[in-house]
Protein backbone atom coordinates (compact mmCIF):
# COMPACT_ATOMS: atom_id res chain seq x y z
CA UNK A 1 137.93 73.19 126.50
CA UNK A 2 135.99 75.74 124.43
CA UNK A 3 133.60 76.55 127.25
CA UNK A 4 136.55 77.02 129.59
CA UNK A 5 138.23 79.31 127.07
CA UNK A 6 135.08 81.41 126.83
CA UNK A 7 135.06 81.76 130.61
CA UNK A 8 138.76 82.66 130.64
CA UNK A 9 138.23 85.35 127.98
CA UNK A 10 135.35 86.79 129.97
CA UNK A 11 137.32 86.78 133.22
CA UNK A 12 140.36 88.42 131.58
CA UNK A 13 138.44 91.74 131.50
CA UNK A 14 140.28 92.94 128.38
CA UNK A 15 139.13 96.48 127.68
CA UNK A 16 138.74 95.88 123.93
CA UNK A 17 136.13 93.15 124.51
CA UNK A 18 132.51 94.20 124.77
CA UNK A 19 130.91 90.79 125.29
CA UNK A 20 131.73 87.07 125.10
CA UNK A 21 129.25 84.27 124.50
CA UNK A 22 129.54 80.47 124.33
CA UNK A 23 127.14 78.64 121.98
CA UNK A 24 126.78 74.93 121.21
CA UNK A 25 125.29 74.12 117.80
CA UNK A 26 123.81 70.65 117.21
CA UNK A 27 124.55 69.20 113.79
CA UNK A 28 120.98 68.05 113.18
CA UNK A 29 119.45 71.51 113.64
CA UNK A 30 118.82 73.40 110.35
CA UNK A 31 119.89 77.05 110.12
CA UNK A 32 119.60 79.55 111.72
CA UNK A 33 120.25 79.74 115.49
CA UNK A 34 119.50 83.21 116.86
CA UNK A 35 121.83 84.19 119.68
CA UNK A 36 121.17 86.78 122.38
CA UNK A 37 123.99 88.93 121.00
CA UNK A 38 123.04 92.26 119.48
CA UNK A 39 125.55 93.73 117.02
CA UNK A 40 125.63 97.18 115.50
CA UNK A 41 126.31 97.83 111.83
CA UNK A 42 130.08 98.25 111.45
CA UNK A 43 130.87 96.33 114.65
CA UNK A 44 133.54 93.64 114.53
CA UNK A 45 133.07 90.17 115.97
CA UNK A 46 135.25 87.06 116.08
CA UNK A 47 134.19 83.42 116.02
CA UNK A 48 136.35 80.68 117.58
CA UNK A 49 135.12 77.13 117.11
CA UNK A 50 135.87 73.44 117.60
CA UNK A 51 134.04 70.16 117.10
CA UNK A 52 132.86 67.82 114.35
CA UNK A 53 129.67 67.28 112.42
CA UNK A 54 129.30 63.60 111.47
CA UNK A 55 127.76 63.01 108.04
CA UNK A 56 127.28 59.25 108.37
CA UNK A 57 126.42 56.95 111.25
CA UNK A 58 128.16 54.09 109.43
CA UNK A 59 131.46 55.73 108.52
CA UNK A 60 133.15 57.79 111.29
CA UNK A 61 135.71 59.18 108.80
CA UNK A 62 132.99 61.23 107.10
CA UNK A 63 132.78 64.48 109.01
CA UNK A 64 133.39 68.19 108.74
CA UNK A 65 134.74 70.73 111.19
CA UNK A 66 133.97 74.42 111.66
CA UNK A 67 135.65 75.37 108.38
CA UNK A 68 133.20 73.18 106.48
CA UNK A 69 130.05 74.03 108.43
CA UNK A 70 130.07 77.22 110.54
CA UNK A 71 128.46 80.38 109.14
CA UNK A 72 127.13 83.61 110.66
CA UNK A 73 124.90 86.51 109.70
CA UNK A 74 122.64 89.27 110.89
CA UNK A 75 119.16 88.54 109.41
CA UNK A 76 118.80 89.91 105.86
CA UNK A 77 122.52 90.63 105.82
CA UNK A 78 125.38 88.85 104.09
CA UNK A 79 126.49 85.42 105.30
CA UNK A 80 130.06 84.76 106.49
CA UNK A 81 131.93 81.51 107.04
CA UNK A 82 134.93 80.74 109.21
CA UNK A 83 138.19 79.51 107.68
CA UNK A 84 139.20 76.28 109.44
CA UNK A 85 138.38 77.23 113.04
CA UNK A 86 138.13 81.01 113.24
CA UNK A 87 136.87 84.12 111.50
CA UNK A 88 136.61 87.85 112.17
CA UNK A 89 133.82 89.78 110.49
CA UNK A 90 132.23 93.23 110.38
CA UNK A 91 128.45 93.30 110.74
CA UNK A 92 126.73 94.78 107.69
CA UNK A 93 123.46 95.33 109.57
CA UNK A 94 122.24 95.98 113.09
CA UNK A 95 120.44 93.10 114.75
CA UNK A 96 120.74 89.72 116.45
CA UNK A 97 123.76 87.66 115.48
CA UNK A 98 122.76 84.27 114.06
CA UNK A 99 124.88 81.14 113.59
CA UNK A 100 124.34 78.13 111.36
CA UNK A 101 125.52 74.64 110.58
CA UNK A 102 125.62 74.76 106.77
CA UNK A 103 124.75 71.55 104.93
CA UNK A 104 123.51 71.60 101.34
CA UNK A 105 123.36 74.77 99.27
CA UNK A 106 122.27 78.35 99.88
CA UNK A 107 119.51 79.83 97.76
CA UNK A 108 120.97 83.34 98.05
CA UNK A 109 123.69 85.43 99.68
CA UNK A 110 121.46 86.07 102.73
CA UNK A 111 121.54 82.42 103.79
CA UNK A 112 118.14 81.03 102.88
CA UNK A 113 118.54 77.27 102.50
CA UNK A 114 117.85 75.94 99.01
CA UNK A 115 118.16 72.25 99.78
CA UNK A 116 115.80 70.27 102.01
CA UNK A 117 116.16 70.95 105.74
CA UNK A 118 115.25 67.30 106.29
CA UNK A 119 118.78 66.40 105.17
CA UNK A 120 119.96 67.58 108.59
CA UNK A 121 118.29 64.60 110.28
CA UNK A 122 121.17 62.37 109.16
CA UNK A 123 123.77 64.56 110.90
CA UNK A 124 125.13 64.18 114.41
CA UNK A 125 127.81 65.85 116.49
CA UNK A 126 128.10 69.51 117.37
CA UNK A 127 130.25 72.62 117.14
CA UNK A 128 131.25 74.66 120.17
CA UNK A 129 131.51 78.34 119.33
CA UNK A 130 132.84 81.39 121.15
CA UNK A 131 131.63 84.76 119.90
CA UNK A 132 133.64 87.84 120.88
CA UNK A 133 132.04 91.24 120.28
CA UNK A 134 134.70 93.95 120.12
CA UNK A 135 134.63 97.55 121.22
CA UNK A 136 137.71 98.51 119.20
CA UNK A 137 141.24 97.48 118.14
CA UNK A 138 140.69 93.78 117.51
CA UNK A 139 144.38 92.99 116.95
CA UNK A 140 145.45 94.52 120.25
CA UNK A 141 142.59 92.74 121.97
CA UNK A 142 143.60 89.36 120.54
CA UNK A 143 147.23 89.91 121.54
CA UNK A 144 146.18 90.63 125.11
CA UNK A 145 143.89 87.59 125.16
CA UNK A 146 146.68 85.33 123.88
CA UNK A 147 148.88 86.51 126.74
CA UNK A 148 146.08 85.96 129.23
CA UNK A 149 144.63 82.69 127.88
CA UNK A 150 147.36 81.06 125.74
CA UNK A 151 144.96 79.52 123.20
CA UNK A 152 145.75 78.20 119.71
CA UNK A 153 142.31 79.36 118.57
CA UNK A 154 143.12 82.93 119.56
CA UNK A 155 146.53 82.66 117.86
CA UNK A 156 144.86 81.41 114.68
CA UNK A 157 142.41 84.30 114.72
CA UNK A 158 145.23 86.79 115.14
CA UNK A 159 147.29 85.22 112.33
CA UNK A 160 144.34 85.48 109.94
CA UNK A 161 144.21 89.23 110.56
CA UNK A 162 147.93 89.93 110.61
CA UNK A 163 148.98 87.68 107.71
CA UNK A 164 145.95 87.33 105.44
CA UNK A 165 146.22 85.28 102.23
CA UNK A 166 145.11 87.68 99.50
CA UNK A 167 142.60 86.30 97.00
CA UNK A 168 144.09 86.51 93.47
CA UNK A 169 143.13 89.76 91.75
CA UNK A 170 140.01 89.53 89.61
CA UNK A 171 138.93 86.24 91.17
CA UNK A 172 136.43 85.51 93.92
CA UNK A 173 135.44 82.53 96.01
CA UNK A 174 132.17 80.88 95.02
CA UNK A 175 129.93 81.73 97.97
CA UNK A 176 128.15 78.37 97.79
CA UNK A 177 131.26 76.60 99.08
CA UNK A 178 132.53 79.45 101.26
CA UNK A 179 135.40 81.89 101.47
CA UNK A 180 138.81 80.36 102.17
CA UNK A 181 142.51 81.13 101.89
CA UNK A 182 143.67 78.10 99.90
CA UNK A 183 144.41 80.03 96.69
CA UNK A 184 147.15 82.61 96.26
CA UNK A 185 148.90 84.46 93.43
CA UNK A 186 152.32 83.30 92.33
CA UNK A 187 154.83 83.70 89.52
CA UNK A 188 156.71 80.80 87.93
CA UNK A 189 159.00 81.04 84.89
CA UNK A 190 157.83 84.64 84.43
CA UNK A 191 154.21 83.47 84.13
CA UNK A 192 151.39 84.49 86.43
CA UNK A 193 150.13 81.51 88.41
CA UNK A 194 147.57 80.68 91.02
CA UNK A 195 148.63 78.23 93.72
CA UNK A 196 146.24 75.82 95.42
CA UNK A 197 147.23 74.64 98.89
CA UNK A 198 144.38 72.93 100.76
CA UNK A 199 144.76 70.63 103.75
CA UNK A 200 141.43 69.12 104.85
CA UNK A 201 139.87 72.15 103.17
CA UNK A 202 138.03 73.07 100.01
CA UNK A 203 137.19 76.05 97.86
CA UNK A 204 136.12 77.13 94.39
CA UNK A 205 137.82 80.19 92.93
CA UNK A 206 135.69 81.92 90.30
CA UNK A 207 136.56 84.45 87.58
CA UNK A 208 133.43 86.05 86.06
CA UNK A 209 133.57 86.47 82.28
CA UNK A 210 131.25 86.63 79.27
CA UNK A 211 132.33 84.49 76.31
CA UNK A 212 130.14 83.11 73.54
CA UNK A 213 130.52 79.42 72.75
CA UNK A 214 130.73 78.12 69.19
CA UNK A 215 131.61 74.66 67.82
CA UNK A 216 135.26 75.74 67.65
CA UNK A 217 135.55 77.20 71.19
CA UNK A 218 138.59 75.99 73.14
CA UNK A 219 139.49 76.28 76.80
CA UNK A 220 143.25 76.04 77.32
CA UNK A 221 145.34 76.03 80.48
CA UNK A 222 148.59 74.87 82.04
CA UNK A 223 148.66 73.08 85.37
CA UNK A 224 151.04 71.25 87.64
CA UNK A 225 149.88 68.65 90.15
CA UNK A 226 151.87 68.69 93.38
CA UNK A 227 149.76 66.53 95.68
CA UNK A 228 146.58 64.63 94.87
CA UNK A 229 143.90 64.55 97.60
CA UNK A 230 142.45 61.12 96.76
CA UNK A 231 143.73 57.57 96.37
CA UNK A 232 140.26 56.30 95.47
CA UNK A 233 137.71 56.74 92.69
CA UNK A 234 136.38 60.28 92.94
CA UNK A 235 132.98 59.44 91.46
CA UNK A 236 131.94 58.07 94.88
CA UNK A 237 130.67 60.70 97.32
CA UNK A 238 132.90 59.57 100.21
CA UNK A 239 136.02 59.89 98.01
CA UNK A 240 135.05 63.06 96.15
CA UNK A 241 138.34 64.91 96.69
CA UNK A 242 139.79 66.31 93.49
CA UNK A 243 141.51 69.11 91.56
CA UNK A 244 139.95 70.58 88.44
CA UNK A 245 139.36 73.50 86.10
CA UNK A 246 135.72 74.25 85.26
CA UNK A 247 133.55 76.35 82.99
CA UNK A 248 130.25 77.80 84.23
CA UNK A 249 127.51 78.35 81.66
CA UNK A 250 124.60 80.76 81.40
CA UNK A 251 122.09 78.05 82.37
CA UNK A 252 123.74 77.77 85.81
CA UNK A 253 125.45 74.43 85.15
CA UNK A 254 129.19 73.76 85.05
CA UNK A 255 131.56 71.20 83.58
CA UNK A 256 134.79 70.44 85.43
CA UNK A 257 137.80 68.77 83.84
CA UNK A 258 139.46 66.77 86.60
CA UNK A 259 142.81 65.14 87.18
CA UNK A 260 141.77 61.80 88.70
CA UNK A 261 143.90 59.46 90.71
CA UNK A 262 142.02 56.30 89.64
CA UNK A 263 139.34 56.98 87.03
CA UNK A 264 140.03 56.43 83.35
CA UNK A 265 140.48 59.32 80.94
CA UNK A 266 137.25 60.27 79.12
CA UNK A 267 135.10 58.95 81.98
CA UNK A 268 132.47 61.51 82.91
CA UNK A 269 129.88 61.56 85.68
CA UNK A 270 127.43 63.85 87.44
CA UNK A 271 128.66 65.14 90.77
CA UNK A 272 128.09 62.42 93.41
CA UNK A 273 127.19 65.02 96.03
CA UNK A 274 123.40 65.05 96.03
CA UNK A 275 122.93 68.82 96.23
CA UNK A 276 125.29 69.30 93.24
CA UNK A 277 124.27 66.40 90.99
CA UNK A 278 121.89 68.45 88.81
CA UNK A 279 124.36 71.30 88.53
CA UNK A 280 127.81 69.86 87.94
CA UNK A 281 129.39 67.23 85.70
CA UNK A 282 132.96 65.95 85.93
CA UNK A 283 135.08 64.93 82.95
CA UNK A 284 138.35 63.03 83.54
CA UNK A 285 141.24 64.24 81.37
CA UNK A 286 144.25 63.03 83.44
CA UNK A 287 144.77 59.87 85.48
CA UNK A 288 147.38 58.94 88.08
CA UNK A 289 150.30 60.84 89.53
CA UNK A 290 153.19 59.75 87.28
CA UNK A 291 153.35 63.24 85.75
CA UNK A 292 152.99 65.25 88.93
CA UNK A 293 155.49 68.10 89.45
CA UNK A 294 155.44 68.73 85.67
CA UNK A 295 153.78 71.60 83.87
CA UNK A 296 151.23 70.15 81.43
CA UNK A 297 149.09 71.93 78.85
CA UNK A 298 145.43 71.15 78.23
CA UNK A 299 143.12 72.16 75.38
CA UNK A 300 139.45 71.21 75.46
CA UNK A 301 136.68 71.86 72.98
CA UNK A 302 133.84 73.19 75.15
CA UNK A 303 131.12 72.57 72.57
CA UNK A 304 132.11 68.93 72.10
CA UNK A 305 132.78 68.09 75.76
CA UNK A 306 129.56 69.66 77.03
CA UNK A 307 127.43 68.03 74.35
CA UNK A 308 128.98 64.63 75.07
CA UNK A 309 128.88 64.68 78.87
CA UNK A 310 126.01 67.04 79.74
CA UNK A 311 123.72 66.60 76.74
CA UNK A 312 123.01 70.27 76.05
CA UNK A 313 124.32 72.89 73.66
CA UNK A 314 126.35 75.56 75.47
CA UNK A 315 125.84 79.16 74.40
CA UNK A 316 127.84 81.31 76.80
CA UNK A 317 130.55 80.84 79.42
CA UNK A 318 129.85 83.04 82.44
CA UNK A 319 132.86 82.12 84.60
CA UNK A 320 135.96 79.94 84.87
CA UNK A 321 136.50 78.04 88.12
CA UNK A 322 139.49 76.52 89.85
CA UNK A 323 138.42 73.73 92.22
CA UNK A 324 140.26 72.08 95.07
CA UNK A 325 138.52 69.65 97.43
CA UNK A 326 140.32 67.74 100.20
CA UNK A 327 137.64 67.45 102.89
CA UNK A 328 136.16 63.99 102.42
CA UNK A 329 139.37 62.05 103.09
CA UNK A 330 141.00 64.86 105.09
CA UNK A 331 144.10 64.90 102.89
CA UNK A 332 145.93 67.63 100.91
CA UNK A 333 145.30 69.12 97.47
CA UNK A 334 148.19 71.10 96.00
CA UNK A 335 148.57 72.37 92.45
CA UNK A 336 149.55 75.33 90.25
CA UNK A 337 147.46 76.86 87.45
CA UNK A 338 148.61 79.22 84.69
CA UNK A 339 147.99 80.54 81.18
CA UNK A 340 144.21 79.98 81.12
CA UNK A 341 142.59 81.09 77.84
CA UNK A 342 139.25 80.94 76.07
CA UNK A 343 139.63 80.89 72.31
CA UNK A 344 137.25 81.33 69.39
CA UNK A 345 138.13 81.79 65.74
CA UNK A 346 138.05 85.59 66.09
CA UNK A 347 138.44 86.17 69.83
CA UNK A 348 140.76 85.20 72.68
CA UNK A 349 140.32 86.01 76.38
CA UNK A 350 143.30 85.62 78.71
CA UNK A 351 141.62 84.43 81.90
CA UNK A 352 144.92 84.03 83.79
């Protein structure tokens, strides 16, 4: 279907399109695949993709689609990832367009792989990708292509441009897990909120700050669970779908306080995802869904919780994270966050 769509786009002879290319990416090939497409700095291109990358030969339910895996770049430029199945980007350098199946963690914003490339050997499946290089007026070009080709992928690409979900002001997506549109600003009961709405999607929203940690330091927030993404114990990798608030520290590690569906309160564990296990620890502070749809207030002593679960003394918080993961079991994660504060004896920062 994707190959046929690429052919149909090419045969439509839309004036806004400069070039169309079809590329198949094998899941077990480490990044990066260099295409024959040359882009100029400032030129816009669109990716349309379909397919699955299987993570396990034993469990067919463990897989990711384009939104989990597909990234692009021009060498030495910034990396970009698609959201669900499509993405439209502006090249920040002139050169050959490269595509990647992302699996593990990046070492930097330019897309050097930090984790072992040998991890790709366990993957199977593929992604089919269409790349459209534009001359000008992408929106008009997509509208014409939808009329000519009647494709849901083209409609999705157009909707992302015409009705973008704006990232909450002052926050940014953690590049390691990719840009998404699952978080949005909201107001409830006259309070600023951030809404999480992820369906078979994931994302970490990050607010950079600088806040010294003392034995009295508290992190406070309000949250409301609307839909939990897991019905299983989240400390297993295949069930690691969850909702949490996290603090990032100046040694690069982070502690996340999670609302678990099954795990007992005060249970803590290193992240079961291998590439994150040395970086992230999870601390259960809520269990079950009996109190969903209610606003609940949390207050955690950072110094105590970090010392207990991570076995180091925290000195400085460098960011607060909101985390929503719903990709392992392909379910939905929905929640609201509000009134996030960091508090010392003589200082308070209103994070949200």
